[in-house]
Amino acid sequence: MYSIDFGKSGIKVPTVAVGCMRISDMNEKEISAFVNTALEHGANFFDHADIYGGGDSEVVFGKAIAPSMRDKVIIQTKCGIVPGRMFDFSYEHIIESVNGSLKRLGMDYVDVLLLHRPDALMEPEEVAKAFDELKASGKVRHFGVSNQNPYQMKLLQNALDMPLCANQLQFGIMHTPMIQSGINVNMYNNFGVNRDGGVLDYCRLNNITIQPWSPMQYGFFEGCFIDNDKFPHLNEVMDEVAKEHGISKTTLAFAWILRHPAKMQPITGTTNLNRLSDCLSAAEVSLTREEWYKIYMAAGNILP
């Protein structure tokens, strides 16, 4: 597993992060196998959120990490979503959420905290107060956001004394608006619509690590595109390229993301150990420019 710089944090992280959204129903033996499989591939970065499994994902994960292992793993969690009710970036909610995550994880600190989804009522100074307190107390070491556009990040960064290190965004072969608009600049077509304010280039210019979430999904949690009858041409092309490299299409889907020069850190979403291994193996694969574009167009995109 190769490593990349994590924004301006000064730490190195594996090129693929391990998502823990779906682990809440796993038993102790399954969780142990899940964690060990990740670590065997050099993937020691685990992504959580306070709402995953209603908090149970953090609980079962915390039980699987012995105190002696804590310094060997990088734990990221997120806060800010009150399910079905609102988004909340208030000082009180951020502090309460982090304390809750630490209790559920059974840990004294998390390495990274992300703000989950933009809160329209965000007060940057209030967020800064919470971040300052969490950093000073040692409860959080690094900070970032999720699903934010450039001006939302810039507004927040203006109030912060620490850099925003990451932005978690939906991205994958079947979800590419932040690439489409850059390719179709000044074009009268739907692919040229800038839907995110140029977030890809902004993050690259400001050394903010993009963490693609749901890289295997199409639409918004509508399902996986691999071996899906809705996408016969894409799967035919992926089959061809995957066979050339001697890898699975799952590995190829992650390798396609890693081929982009932005040095993104895609997040896995599976609890299946074989698929997890396939995802993590993508760091060893190098696609050609021709292969990358061939897959991009097989997904239904166009070149002007």
C-alpha atoms as a PDB file:
ATOM      1  CA  MET A   1       0.000   0.000   0.000  1.00  0.00           C
ATOM      2  CA  TYR A   2       1.449   3.346  -1.042  1.00  0.00           C
ATOM      3  CA  SER A   3       1.006   6.491   1.046  1.00  0.00           C
ATOM      4  CA  ILE A   4       0.150  10.104   0.280  1.00  0.00           C
ATOM      5  CA  ASP A   5       0.368  13.393   2.142  1.00  0.00           C
ATOM      6  CA  PHE A   6      -2.834  14.089   4.050  1.00  0.00           C
ATOM      7  CA  GLY A   7      -3.492  17.677   3.101  1.00  0.00           C
ATOM      8  CA  LYS A   8      -1.275  20.029   5.081  1.00  0.00           C
ATOM      9  CA  SER A   9      -1.432  17.875   8.217  1.00  0.00           C
ATOM     10  CA  GLY A  10       2.151  16.684   7.990  1.00  0.00           C
ATOM     11  CA  ILE A  11       1.109  13.038   8.245  1.00  0.00           C
ATOM     12  CA  LYS A  12       1.181  10.302   5.627  1.00  0.00           C
ATOM     13  CA  VAL A  13      -1.897   8.158   5.020  1.00  0.00           C
ATOM     14  CA  PRO A  14      -2.532   5.052   2.891  1.00  0.00           C
ATOM     15  CA  THR A  15      -3.866   5.704  -0.604  1.00  0.00           C
ATOM     16  CA  VAL A  16      -7.094   3.839   0.206  1.00  0.00           C
ATOM     17  CA  ALA A  17      -9.117   4.394   3.397  1.00  0.00           C
ATOM     18  CA  VAL A  18     -11.324   1.772   5.002  1.00  0.00           C
ATOM     19  CA  GLY A  19     -14.966   2.809   5.388  1.00  0.00           C
ATOM     20  CA  CYS A  20     -16.810   1.640   8.493  1.00  0.00           C
ATOM     21  CA  MET A  21     -20.364   2.735   7.678  1.00  0.00           C
ATOM     22  CA  ARG A  22     -21.716  -0.813   7.401  1.00  0.00           C
ATOM     23  CA  ILE A  23     -19.910  -2.634  10.203  1.00  0.00           C
ATOM     24  CA  SER A  24     -22.439  -2.129  13.005  1.00  0.00           C
ATOM     25  CA  ASP A  25     -24.008  -5.596  12.651  1.00  0.00           C
ATOM     26  CA  MET A  26     -20.700  -7.491  12.591  1.00  0.00           C
ATOM     27  CA  ASN A  27     -19.742  -9.679  15.533  1.00  0.00           C
ATOM     28  CA  GLU A  28     -16.411  -9.594  17.351  1.00  0.00           C
ATOM     29  CA  LYS A  29     -14.844 -12.285  15.167  1.00  0.00           C
ATOM     30  CA  GLU A  30     -15.991 -10.603  11.958  1.00  0.00           C
ATOM     31  CA  ILE A  31     -14.763  -7.177  13.068  1.00  0.00           C
ATOM     32  CA  SER A  32     -11.376  -8.617  13.997  1.00  0.00           C
ATOM     33  CA  ALA A  33     -11.058 -10.243  10.563  1.00  0.00           C
ATOM     34  CA  PHE A  34     -12.164  -6.987   8.912  1.00  0.00           C
ATOM     35  CA  VAL A  35      -9.552  -4.896  10.738  1.00  0.00           C
ATOM     36  CA  ASN A  36      -6.797  -7.470  10.262  1.00  0.00           C
ATOM     37  CA  THR A  37      -7.501  -7.762   6.528  1.00  0.00           C
ATOM     38  CA  ALA A  38      -7.133  -3.999   6.196  1.00  0.00           C
ATOM     39  CA  LEU A  39      -3.935  -3.881   8.219  1.00  0.00           C
ATOM     40  CA  GLU A  40      -2.415  -6.777   6.268  1.00  0.00           C
ATOM     41  CA  HIS A  41      -2.726  -4.565   3.169  1.00  0.00           C
ATOM     42  CA  GLY A  42      -1.170  -1.585   4.959  1.00  0.00           C
ATOM     43  CA  ALA A  43      -4.539   0.192   5.172  1.00  0.00           C
ATOM     44  CA  ASN A  44      -4.554   1.614   8.698  1.00  0.00           C
ATOM     45  CA  PHE A  45      -6.880   4.575   8.017  1.00  0.00           C
ATOM     46  CA  PHE A  46     -10.460   3.917   9.182  1.00  0.00           C
ATOM     47  CA  ASP A  47     -13.343   6.268   8.340  1.00  0.00           C
ATOM     48  CA  HIS A  48     -16.278   6.624  10.751  1.00  0.00           C
ATOM     49  CA  ALA A  49     -19.149   9.000  11.489  1.00  0.00           C
ATOM     50  CA  ASP A  50     -21.208   9.479  14.610  1.00  0.00           C
ATOM     51  CA  ILE A  51     -24.359   8.468  12.706  1.00  0.00           C
ATOM     52  CA  TYR A  52     -23.038   5.228  11.166  1.00  0.00           C
ATOM     53  CA  GLY A  53     -25.142   2.403  12.511  1.00  0.00           C
ATOM     54  CA  GLY A  54     -26.704   4.870  14.901  1.00  0.00           C
ATOM     55  CA  GLY A  55     -23.325   5.056  16.640  1.00  0.00           C
ATOM     56  CA  ASP A  56     -22.916   1.282  16.843  1.00  0.00           C
ATOM     57  CA  SER A  57     -20.240   1.210  14.131  1.00  0.00           C
ATOM     58  CA  GLU A  58     -17.920   3.136  16.433  1.00  0.00           C
ATOM     59  CA  VAL A  59     -18.812   0.865  19.351  1.00  0.00           C
ATOM     60  CA  VAL A  60     -18.007  -2.430  17.628  1.00  0.00           C
ATOM     61  CA  PHE A  61     -14.860  -1.003  16.070  1.00  0.00           C
ATOM     62  CA  GLY A  62     -13.605   0.325  19.391  1.00  0.00           C
ATOM     63  CA  LYS A  63     -13.963  -3.111  20.934  1.00  0.00           C
ATOM     64  CA  ALA A  64     -11.794  -4.591  18.172  1.00  0.00           C
ATOM     65  CA  ILE A  65      -8.893  -2.182  18.708  1.00  0.00           C
ATOM     66  CA  ALA A  66      -6.690  -3.111  21.642  1.00  0.00           C
ATOM     67  CA  PRO A  67      -5.005  -0.198  23.466  1.00  0.00           C
ATOM     68  CA  SER A  68      -1.654  -1.405  22.114  1.00  0.00           C
ATOM     69  CA  MET A  69      -2.966  -0.970  18.567  1.00  0.00           C
ATOM     70  CA  ARG A  70      -4.188   2.611  18.949  1.00  0.00           C
ATOM     71  CA  ASP A  71      -1.019   4.323  17.723  1.00  0.00           C
ATOM     72  CA  LYS A  72      -0.880   1.983  14.727  1.00  0.00           C
ATOM     73  CA  VAL A  73      -4.205   3.119  13.264  1.00  0.00           C
ATOM     74  CA  ILE A  74      -5.553   6.440  12.018  1.00  0.00           C
ATOM     75  CA  ILE A  75      -9.152   7.102  13.052  1.00  0.00           C
ATOM     76  CA  GLN A  76     -11.342   9.617  11.262  1.00  0.00           C
ATOM     77  CA  THR A  77     -14.896  10.403  12.291  1.00  0.00           C
ATOM     78  CA  LYS A  78     -17.526  12.915  11.219  1.00  0.00           C
ATOM     79  CA  CYS A  79     -20.225  14.974  12.906  1.00  0.00           C
ATOM     80  CA  GLY A  80     -22.893  17.491  12.026  1.00  0.00           C
ATOM     81  CA  ILE A  81     -25.861  15.418  10.827  1.00  0.00           C
ATOM     82  CA  VAL A  82     -28.886  15.070  13.085  1.00  0.00           C
ATOM     83  CA  PRO A  83     -30.688  12.316  11.127  1.00  0.00           C
ATOM     84  CA  GLY A  84     -33.995  13.351   9.619  1.00  0.00           C
ATOM     85  CA  ARG A  85     -33.983  16.706  11.395  1.00  0.00           C
ATOM     86  CA  MET A  86     -31.168  19.072  10.518  1.00  0.00           C
ATOM     87  CA  PHE A  87     -27.461  19.708  10.020  1.00  0.00           C
ATOM     88  CA  ASP A  88     -25.768  21.208  13.064  1.00  0.00           C
ATOM     89  CA  PHE A  89     -22.319  22.839  13.148  1.00  0.00           C
ATOM     90  CA  SER A  90     -22.919  24.635  16.431  1.00  0.00           C
ATOM     91  CA  TYR A  91     -20.165  24.685  19.025  1.00  0.00           C
ATOM     92  CA  GLU A  92     -22.271  22.649  21.439  1.00  0.00           C
ATOM     93  CA  HIS A  93     -23.129  19.954  18.895  1.00  0.00           C
ATOM     94  CA  ILE A  94     -19.559  19.534  17.644  1.00  0.00           C
ATOM     95  CA  ILE A  95     -18.166  19.160  21.180  1.00  0.00           C
ATOM     96  CA  GLU A  96     -20.964  16.818  22.229  1.00  0.00           C
ATOM     97  CA  SER A  97     -20.575  14.710  19.088  1.00  0.00           C
ATOM     98  CA  VAL A  98     -16.816  14.288  19.477  1.00  0.00           C
ATOM     99  CA  ASN A  99     -17.164  13.358  23.147  1.00  0.00           C
ATOM    100  CA  GLY A 100     -19.800  10.821  22.153  1.00  0.00           C
ATOM    101  CA  SER A 101     -17.591   9.324  19.444  1.00  0.00           C
ATOM    102  CA  LEU A 102     -14.633   9.039  21.819  1.00  0.00           C
ATOM    103  CA  LYS A 103     -16.788   7.287  24.401  1.00  0.00           C
ATOM    104  CA  ARG A 104     -18.160   4.843  21.834  1.00  0.00           C
ATOM    105  CA  LEU A 105     -14.708   4.170  20.383  1.00  0.00           C
ATOM    106  CA  GLY A 106     -13.169   3.830  23.836  1.00  0.00           C
ATOM    107  CA  MET A 107     -10.368   6.178  22.816  1.00  0.00           C
ATOM    108  CA  ASP A 108      -8.856   9.415  24.092  1.00  0.00           C
ATOM    109  CA  TYR A 109      -8.566  11.049  20.692  1.00  0.00           C
ATOM    110  CA  VAL A 110      -9.389  10.767  17.010  1.00  0.00           C
ATOM    111  CA  ASP A 111      -6.830  11.665  14.395  1.00  0.00           C
ATOM    112  CA  VAL A 112      -9.246  13.461  12.066  1.00  0.00           C
ATOM    113  CA  LEU A 113     -12.655  15.119  12.450  1.00  0.00           C
ATOM    114  CA  LEU A 114     -14.738  16.066   9.404  1.00  0.00           C
ATOM    115  CA  LEU A 115     -17.855  18.211   9.309  1.00  0.00           C
ATOM    116  CA  HIS A 116     -20.529  16.052   7.686  1.00  0.00           C
ATOM    117  CA  ARG A 117     -22.637  17.832   4.998  1.00  0.00           C
ATOM    118  CA  PRO A 118     -22.833  21.662   4.907  1.00  0.00           C
ATOM    119  CA  ASP A 119     -24.907  23.402   7.569  1.00  0.00           C
ATOM    120  CA  ALA A 120     -26.696  26.422   6.056  1.00  0.00           C
ATOM    121  CA  LEU A 121     -26.687  28.060   9.503  1.00  0.00           C
ATOM    122  CA  MET A 122     -22.969  27.605  10.102  1.00  0.00           C
ATOM    123  CA  GLU A 123     -21.186  30.329  12.056  1.00  0.00           C
ATOM    124  CA  PRO A 124     -17.470  29.984  11.150  1.00  0.00           C
ATOM    125  CA  GLU A 125     -16.297  31.503  14.420  1.00  0.00           C
ATOM    126  CA  GLU A 126     -18.391  29.010  16.389  1.00  0.00           C
ATOM    127  CA  VAL A 127     -16.847  26.101  14.489  1.00  0.00           C
ATOM    128  CA  ALA A 128     -13.395  27.613  15.051  1.00  0.00           C
ATOM    129  CA  LYS A 129     -14.061  27.812  18.801  1.00  0.00           C
ATOM    130  CA  ALA A 130     -14.966  24.121  18.868  1.00  0.00           C
ATOM    131  CA  PHE A 131     -11.973  23.105  16.747  1.00  0.00           C
ATOM    132  CA  ASP A 132      -9.579  25.150  18.899  1.00  0.00           C
ATOM    133  CA  GLU A 133     -10.890  23.532  22.069  1.00  0.00           C
ATOM    134  CA  LEU A 134     -10.741  20.012  20.614  1.00  0.00           C
ATOM    135  CA  LYS A 135      -7.207  20.491  19.358  1.00  0.00           C
ATOM    136  CA  ALA A 136      -5.962  22.088  22.601  1.00  0.00           C
ATOM    137  CA  SER A 137      -7.439  19.251  24.645  1.00  0.00           C
ATOM    138  CA  GLY A 138      -5.808  16.639  22.406  1.00  0.00           C
ATOM    139  CA  LYS A 139      -9.149  15.088  21.464  1.00  0.00           C
ATOM    140  CA  VAL A 140      -8.759  15.833  17.728  1.00  0.00           C
ATOM    141  CA  ARG A 141      -5.490  16.260  15.854  1.00  0.00           C
ATOM    142  CA  HIS A 142      -6.600  17.269  12.339  1.00  0.00           C
ATOM    143  CA  PHE A 143      -9.732  18.665  10.750  1.00  0.00           C
ATOM    144  CA  GLY A 144     -11.600  18.660   7.453  1.00  0.00           C
ATOM    145  CA  VAL A 145     -15.025  18.775   5.823  1.00  0.00           C
ATOM    146  CA  SER A 146     -17.316  16.659   3.714  1.00  0.00           C
ATOM    147  CA  ASN A 147     -19.416  17.600   0.675  1.00  0.00           C
ATOM    148  CA  GLN A 148     -18.406  21.274   0.697  1.00  0.00           C
ATOM    149  CA  ASN A 149     -17.745  23.603  -2.221  1.00  0.00           C
ATOM    150  CA  PRO A 150     -14.748  25.986  -2.439  1.00  0.00           C
ATOM    151  CA  TYR A 151     -16.432  29.047  -0.976  1.00  0.00           C
ATOM    152  CA  GLN A 152     -17.854  27.095   1.939  1.00  0.00           C
ATOM    153  CA  MET A 153     -14.355  25.828   2.706  1.00  0.00           C
ATOM    154  CA  LYS A 154     -12.831  29.267   2.230  1.00  0.00           C
ATOM    155  CA  LEU A 155     -15.412  30.847   4.539  1.00  0.00           C
ATOM    156  CA  LEU A 156     -14.635  28.322   7.243  1.00  0.00           C
ATOM    157  CA  GLN A 157     -10.871  28.378   6.711  1.00  0.00           C
ATOM    158  CA  ASN A 158     -10.886  32.154   7.162  1.00  0.00           C
ATOM    159  CA  ALA A 159     -11.885  31.647  10.804  1.00  0.00           C
ATOM    160  CA  LEU A 160      -9.547  28.734  11.546  1.00  0.00           C
ATOM    161  CA  ASP A 161      -5.996  28.640  12.863  1.00  0.00           C
ATOM    162  CA  MET A 162      -5.441  25.122  11.478  1.00  0.00           C
ATOM    163  CA  PRO A 163      -5.705  23.922   7.865  1.00  0.00           C
ATOM    164  CA  LEU A 164      -8.620  21.961   6.502  1.00  0.00           C
ATOM    165  CA  CYS A 165      -6.898  18.743   5.461  1.00  0.00           C
ATOM    166  CA  ALA A 166      -9.624  16.843   3.614  1.00  0.00           C
ATOM    167  CA  ASN A 167     -12.917  17.129   1.780  1.00  0.00           C
ATOM    168  CA  GLN A 168     -14.954  13.943   1.451  1.00  0.00           C
ATOM    169  CA  LEU A 169     -16.882  14.036  -1.847  1.00  0.00           C
ATOM    170  CA  GLN A 170     -18.876  11.542  -3.878  1.00  0.00           C
ATOM    171  CA  PHE A 171     -16.741  10.429  -6.819  1.00  0.00           C
ATOM    172  CA  GLY A 172     -16.204   7.335  -8.910  1.00  0.00           C
ATOM    173  CA  ILE A 173     -16.536   5.998 -12.440  1.00  0.00           C
ATOM    174  CA  MET A 174     -20.298   6.581 -12.452  1.00  0.00           C
ATOM    175  CA  HIS A 175     -20.244   9.886 -10.565  1.00  0.00           C
ATOM    176  CA  THR A 176     -17.866  12.337 -12.221  1.00  0.00           C
ATOM    177  CA  PRO A 177     -19.387  15.865 -12.321  1.00  0.00           C
ATOM    178  CA  MET A 178     -16.246  17.507 -10.942  1.00  0.00           C
ATOM    179  CA  ILE A 179     -14.273  16.061 -13.868  1.00  0.00           C
ATOM    180  CA  GLN A 180     -16.953  16.503 -16.521  1.00  0.00           C
ATOM    181  CA  SER A 181     -17.195  20.264 -16.056  1.00  0.00           C
ATOM    182  CA  GLY A 182     -13.432  20.621 -16.367  1.00  0.00           C
ATOM    183  CA  ILE A 183     -13.349  18.702 -19.642  1.00  0.00           C
ATOM    184  CA  ASN A 184     -16.375  20.461 -21.135  1.00  0.00           C
ATOM    185  CA  VAL A 185     -15.380  24.042 -20.354  1.00  0.00           C
ATOM    186  CA  ASN A 186     -17.369  26.664 -22.285  1.00  0.00           C
ATOM    187  CA  MET A 187     -19.581  24.023 -23.905  1.00  0.00           C
ATOM    188  CA  TYR A 188     -23.341  24.120 -24.447  1.00  0.00           C
ATOM    189  CA  ASN A 189     -24.005  20.696 -22.995  1.00  0.00           C
ATOM    190  CA  ASN A 190     -25.060  19.211 -19.668  1.00  0.00           C
ATOM    191  CA  PHE A 191     -21.566  17.887 -19.007  1.00  0.00           C
ATOM    192  CA  GLY A 192     -20.217  21.444 -18.911  1.00  0.00           C
ATOM    193  CA  VAL A 193     -22.432  22.507 -15.998  1.00  0.00           C
ATOM    194  CA  ASN A 194     -20.251  23.393 -13.013  1.00  0.00           C
ATOM    195  CA  ARG A 195     -22.107  21.785 -10.101  1.00  0.00           C
ATOM    196  CA  ASP A 196     -19.561  22.240  -7.325  1.00  0.00           C
ATOM    197  CA  GLY A 197     -17.741  25.532  -7.888  1.00  0.00           C
ATOM    198  CA  GLY A 198     -14.579  23.909  -9.201  1.00  0.00           C
ATOM    199  CA  VAL A 199     -13.953  21.932  -6.010  1.00  0.00           C
ATOM    200  CA  LEU A 200     -11.460  19.553  -7.626  1.00  0.00           C
ATOM    201  CA  ASP A 201      -9.064  22.290  -8.709  1.00  0.00           C
ATOM    202  CA  TYR A 202      -9.601  24.246  -5.491  1.00  0.00           C
ATOM    203  CA  CYS A 203      -8.602  21.261  -3.369  1.00  0.00           C
ATOM    204  CA  ARG A 204      -5.537  20.632  -5.517  1.00  0.00           C
ATOM    205  CA  LEU A 205      -4.454  24.281  -5.321  1.00  0.00           C
ATOM    206  CA  ASN A 206      -4.874  24.325  -1.534  1.00  0.00           C
ATOM    207  CA  ASN A 207      -3.435  20.879  -0.747  1.00  0.00           C
ATOM    208  CA  ILE A 208      -6.741  19.487   0.518  1.00  0.00           C
ATOM    209  CA  THR A 209      -7.040  15.720   0.146  1.00  0.00           C
ATOM    210  CA  ILE A 210     -10.194  14.609  -1.649  1.00  0.00           C
ATOM    211  CA  GLN A 211     -11.689  11.439  -0.178  1.00  0.00           C
ATOM    212  CA  PRO A 212     -14.123   9.883  -2.674  1.00  0.00           C
ATOM    213  CA  TRP A 213     -17.069   8.242  -0.941  1.00  0.00           C
ATOM    214  CA  SER A 214     -19.278   5.526  -2.472  1.00  0.00           C
ATOM    215  CA  PRO A 215     -16.852   5.053  -5.390  1.00  0.00           C
ATOM    216  CA  MET A 216     -18.666   1.876  -6.486  1.00  0.00           C
ATOM    217  CA  GLN A 217     -22.131   3.446  -6.551  1.00  0.00           C
ATOM    218  CA  TYR A 218     -24.149   5.051  -9.315  1.00  0.00           C
ATOM    219  CA  GLY A 219     -26.612   7.811  -8.500  1.00  0.00           C
ATOM    220  CA  PHE A 220     -27.179   8.480  -4.820  1.00  0.00           C
ATOM    221  CA  PHE A 221     -26.924   5.067  -3.137  1.00  0.00           C
ATOM    222  CA  GLU A 222     -28.866   3.481  -6.017  1.00  0.00           C
ATOM    223  CA  GLY A 223     -26.556   0.503  -6.270  1.00  0.00           C
ATOM    224  CA  CYS A 224     -23.244  -0.788  -7.551  1.00  0.00           C
ATOM    225  CA  PHE A 225     -22.477  -0.426 -11.257  1.00  0.00           C
ATOM    226  CA  ILE A 226     -20.209  -3.472 -11.475  1.00  0.00           C
ATOM    227  CA  ASP A 227     -21.931  -6.463 -13.107  1.00  0.00           C
ATOM    228  CA  ASN A 228     -25.097  -4.390 -13.277  1.00  0.00           C
ATOM    229  CA  ASP A 229     -27.320  -5.061 -16.313  1.00  0.00           C
ATOM    230  CA  LYS A 230     -28.014  -1.322 -16.572  1.00  0.00           C
ATOM    231  CA  PHE A 231     -24.416  -0.718 -17.679  1.00  0.00           C
ATOM    232  CA  PRO A 232     -23.467  -3.456 -20.180  1.00  0.00           C
ATOM    233  CA  HIS A 233     -20.964  -1.413 -22.207  1.00  0.00           C
ATOM    234  CA  LEU A 234     -19.153  -0.108 -19.133  1.00  0.00           C
ATOM    235  CA  ASN A 235     -18.823  -3.609 -17.716  1.00  0.00           C
ATOM    236  CA  GLU A 236     -17.628  -4.952 -21.058  1.00  0.00           C
ATOM    237  CA  VAL A 237     -14.871  -2.346 -21.206  1.00  0.00           C
ATOM    238  CA  MET A 238     -13.967  -2.859 -17.548  1.00  0.00           C
ATOM    239  CA  ASP A 239     -13.776  -6.609 -18.137  1.00  0.00           C
ATOM    240  CA  GLU A 240     -11.347  -6.022 -20.984  1.00  0.00           C
ATOM    241  CA  VAL A 241      -9.078  -3.662 -19.038  1.00  0.00           C
ATOM    242  CA  ALA A 242      -9.225  -5.742 -15.860  1.00  0.00           C
ATOM    243  CA  LYS A 243      -8.133  -8.866 -17.745  1.00  0.00           C
ATOM    244  CA  GLU A 244      -5.210  -6.956 -19.242  1.00  0.00           C
ATOM    245  CA  HIS A 245      -3.985  -6.213 -15.711  1.00  0.00           C
ATOM    246  CA  GLY A 246      -5.014  -9.526 -14.160  1.00  0.00           C
ATOM    247  CA  ILE A 247      -7.259  -7.827 -11.587  1.00  0.00           C
ATOM    248  CA  SER A 248     -10.924  -7.712 -10.632  1.00  0.00           C
ATOM    249  CA  LYS A 249     -13.277  -4.974 -11.763  1.00  0.00           C
ATOM    250  CA  THR A 250     -13.511  -3.842  -8.145  1.00  0.00           C
ATOM    251  CA  THR A 251      -9.761  -3.274  -8.062  1.00  0.00           C
ATOM    252  CA  LEU A 252     -10.008  -1.514 -11.418  1.00  0.00           C
ATOM    253  CA  ALA A 253     -12.692   0.880 -10.154  1.00  0.00           C
ATOM    254  CA  PHE A 254     -10.389   2.041  -7.353  1.00  0.00           C
ATOM    255  CA  ALA A 255      -7.321   2.100  -9.607  1.00  0.00           C
ATOM    256  CA  TRP A 256      -9.236   4.392 -11.990  1.00  0.00           C
ATOM    257  CA  ILE A 257      -9.683   6.921  -9.168  1.00  0.00           C
ATOM    258  CA  LEU A 258      -6.073   6.616  -8.050  1.00  0.00           C
ATOM    259  CA  ARG A 259      -4.857   7.285 -11.611  1.00  0.00           C
ATOM    260  CA  HIS A 260      -6.050  10.893 -11.298  1.00  0.00           C
ATOM    261  CA  PRO A 261      -3.144  13.217 -10.391  1.00  0.00           C
ATOM    262  CA  ALA A 262      -5.089  14.840  -7.527  1.00  0.00           C
ATOM    263  CA  LYS A 263      -3.809  12.040  -5.244  1.00  0.00           C
ATOM    264  CA  MET A 264      -7.255  11.243  -3.903  1.00  0.00           C
ATOM    265  CA  GLN A 265      -7.871   8.809  -1.052  1.00  0.00           C
ATOM    266  CA  PRO A 266     -10.960   6.737  -1.954  1.00  0.00           C
ATOM    267  CA  ILE A 267     -12.935   5.118   0.844  1.00  0.00           C
ATOM    268  CA  THR A 268     -14.087   1.511   0.726  1.00  0.00           C
ATOM    269  CA  GLY A 269     -17.666   0.651   1.626  1.00  0.00           C
ATOM    270  CA  THR A 270     -17.699  -3.131   1.769  1.00  0.00           C
ATOM    271  CA  THR A 271     -17.600  -5.551   4.684  1.00  0.00           C
ATOM    272  CA  ASN A 272     -16.845  -8.501   2.389  1.00  0.00           C
ATOM    273  CA  LEU A 273     -13.224  -9.428   3.021  1.00  0.00           C
ATOM    274  CA  ASN A 274     -12.484 -10.516  -0.546  1.00  0.00           C
ATOM    275  CA  ARG A 275     -13.894  -7.303  -1.973  1.00  0.00           C
ATOM    276  CA  LEU A 276     -12.065  -5.301   0.684  1.00  0.00           C
ATOM    277  CA  SER A 277      -8.801  -6.932  -0.390  1.00  0.00           C
ATOM    278  CA  ASP A 278      -9.617  -6.138  -4.022  1.00  0.00           C
ATOM    279  CA  CYS A 279     -10.228  -2.476  -3.165  1.00  0.00           C
ATOM    280  CA  LEU A 280      -6.990  -2.181  -1.223  1.00  0.00           C
ATOM    281  CA  SER A 281      -4.975  -3.872  -3.979  1.00  0.00           C
ATOM    282  CA  ALA A 282      -5.717  -0.972  -6.342  1.00  0.00           C
ATOM    283  CA  ALA A 283      -2.696   0.948  -5.059  1.00  0.00           C
ATOM    284  CA  GLU A 284      -0.486  -1.540  -6.906  1.00  0.00           C
ATOM    285  CA  VAL A 285      -2.152  -0.924 -10.292  1.00  0.00           C
ATOM    286  CA  SER A 286      -1.146   1.764 -12.777  1.00  0.00           C
ATOM    287  CA  LEU A 287      -3.562   2.504 -15.622  1.00  0.00           C
ATOM    288  CA  THR A 288      -2.492   4.120 -18.864  1.00  0.00           C
ATOM    289  CA  ARG A 289      -3.995   7.406 -19.992  1.00  0.00           C
ATOM    290  CA  GLU A 290      -5.762   5.562 -22.817  1.00  0.00           C
ATOM    291  CA  GLU A 291      -7.308   3.057 -20.385  1.00  0.00           C
ATOM    292  CA  TRP A 292      -8.469   5.823 -18.056  1.00  0.00           C
ATOM    293  CA  TYR A 293     -10.250   7.717 -20.837  1.00  0.00           C
ATOM    294  CA  LYS A 294     -11.674   4.526 -22.310  1.00  0.00           C
ATOM    295  CA  ILE A 295     -13.388   3.734 -19.007  1.00  0.00           C
ATOM    296  CA  TYR A 296     -14.487   7.362 -18.570  1.00  0.00           C
ATOM    297  CA  MET A 297     -16.291   7.339 -21.920  1.00  0.00           C
ATOM    298  CA  ALA A 298     -17.716   3.837 -21.418  1.00  0.00           C
ATOM    299  CA  ALA A 299     -19.495   5.276 -18.376  1.00  0.00           C
ATOM    300  CA  GLY A 300     -21.492   7.530 -20.715  1.00  0.00           C
ATOM    301  CA  ASN A 301     -19.293  10.606 -20.740  1.00  0.00           C
ATOM    302  CA  ILE A 302     -18.259  12.524 -23.844  1.00  0.00           C
ATOM    303  CA  LEU A 303     -15.223  14.401 -25.043  1.00  0.00           C
ATOM    304  CA  PRO A 304     -15.978  17.713 -26.793  1.00  0.00           C
END
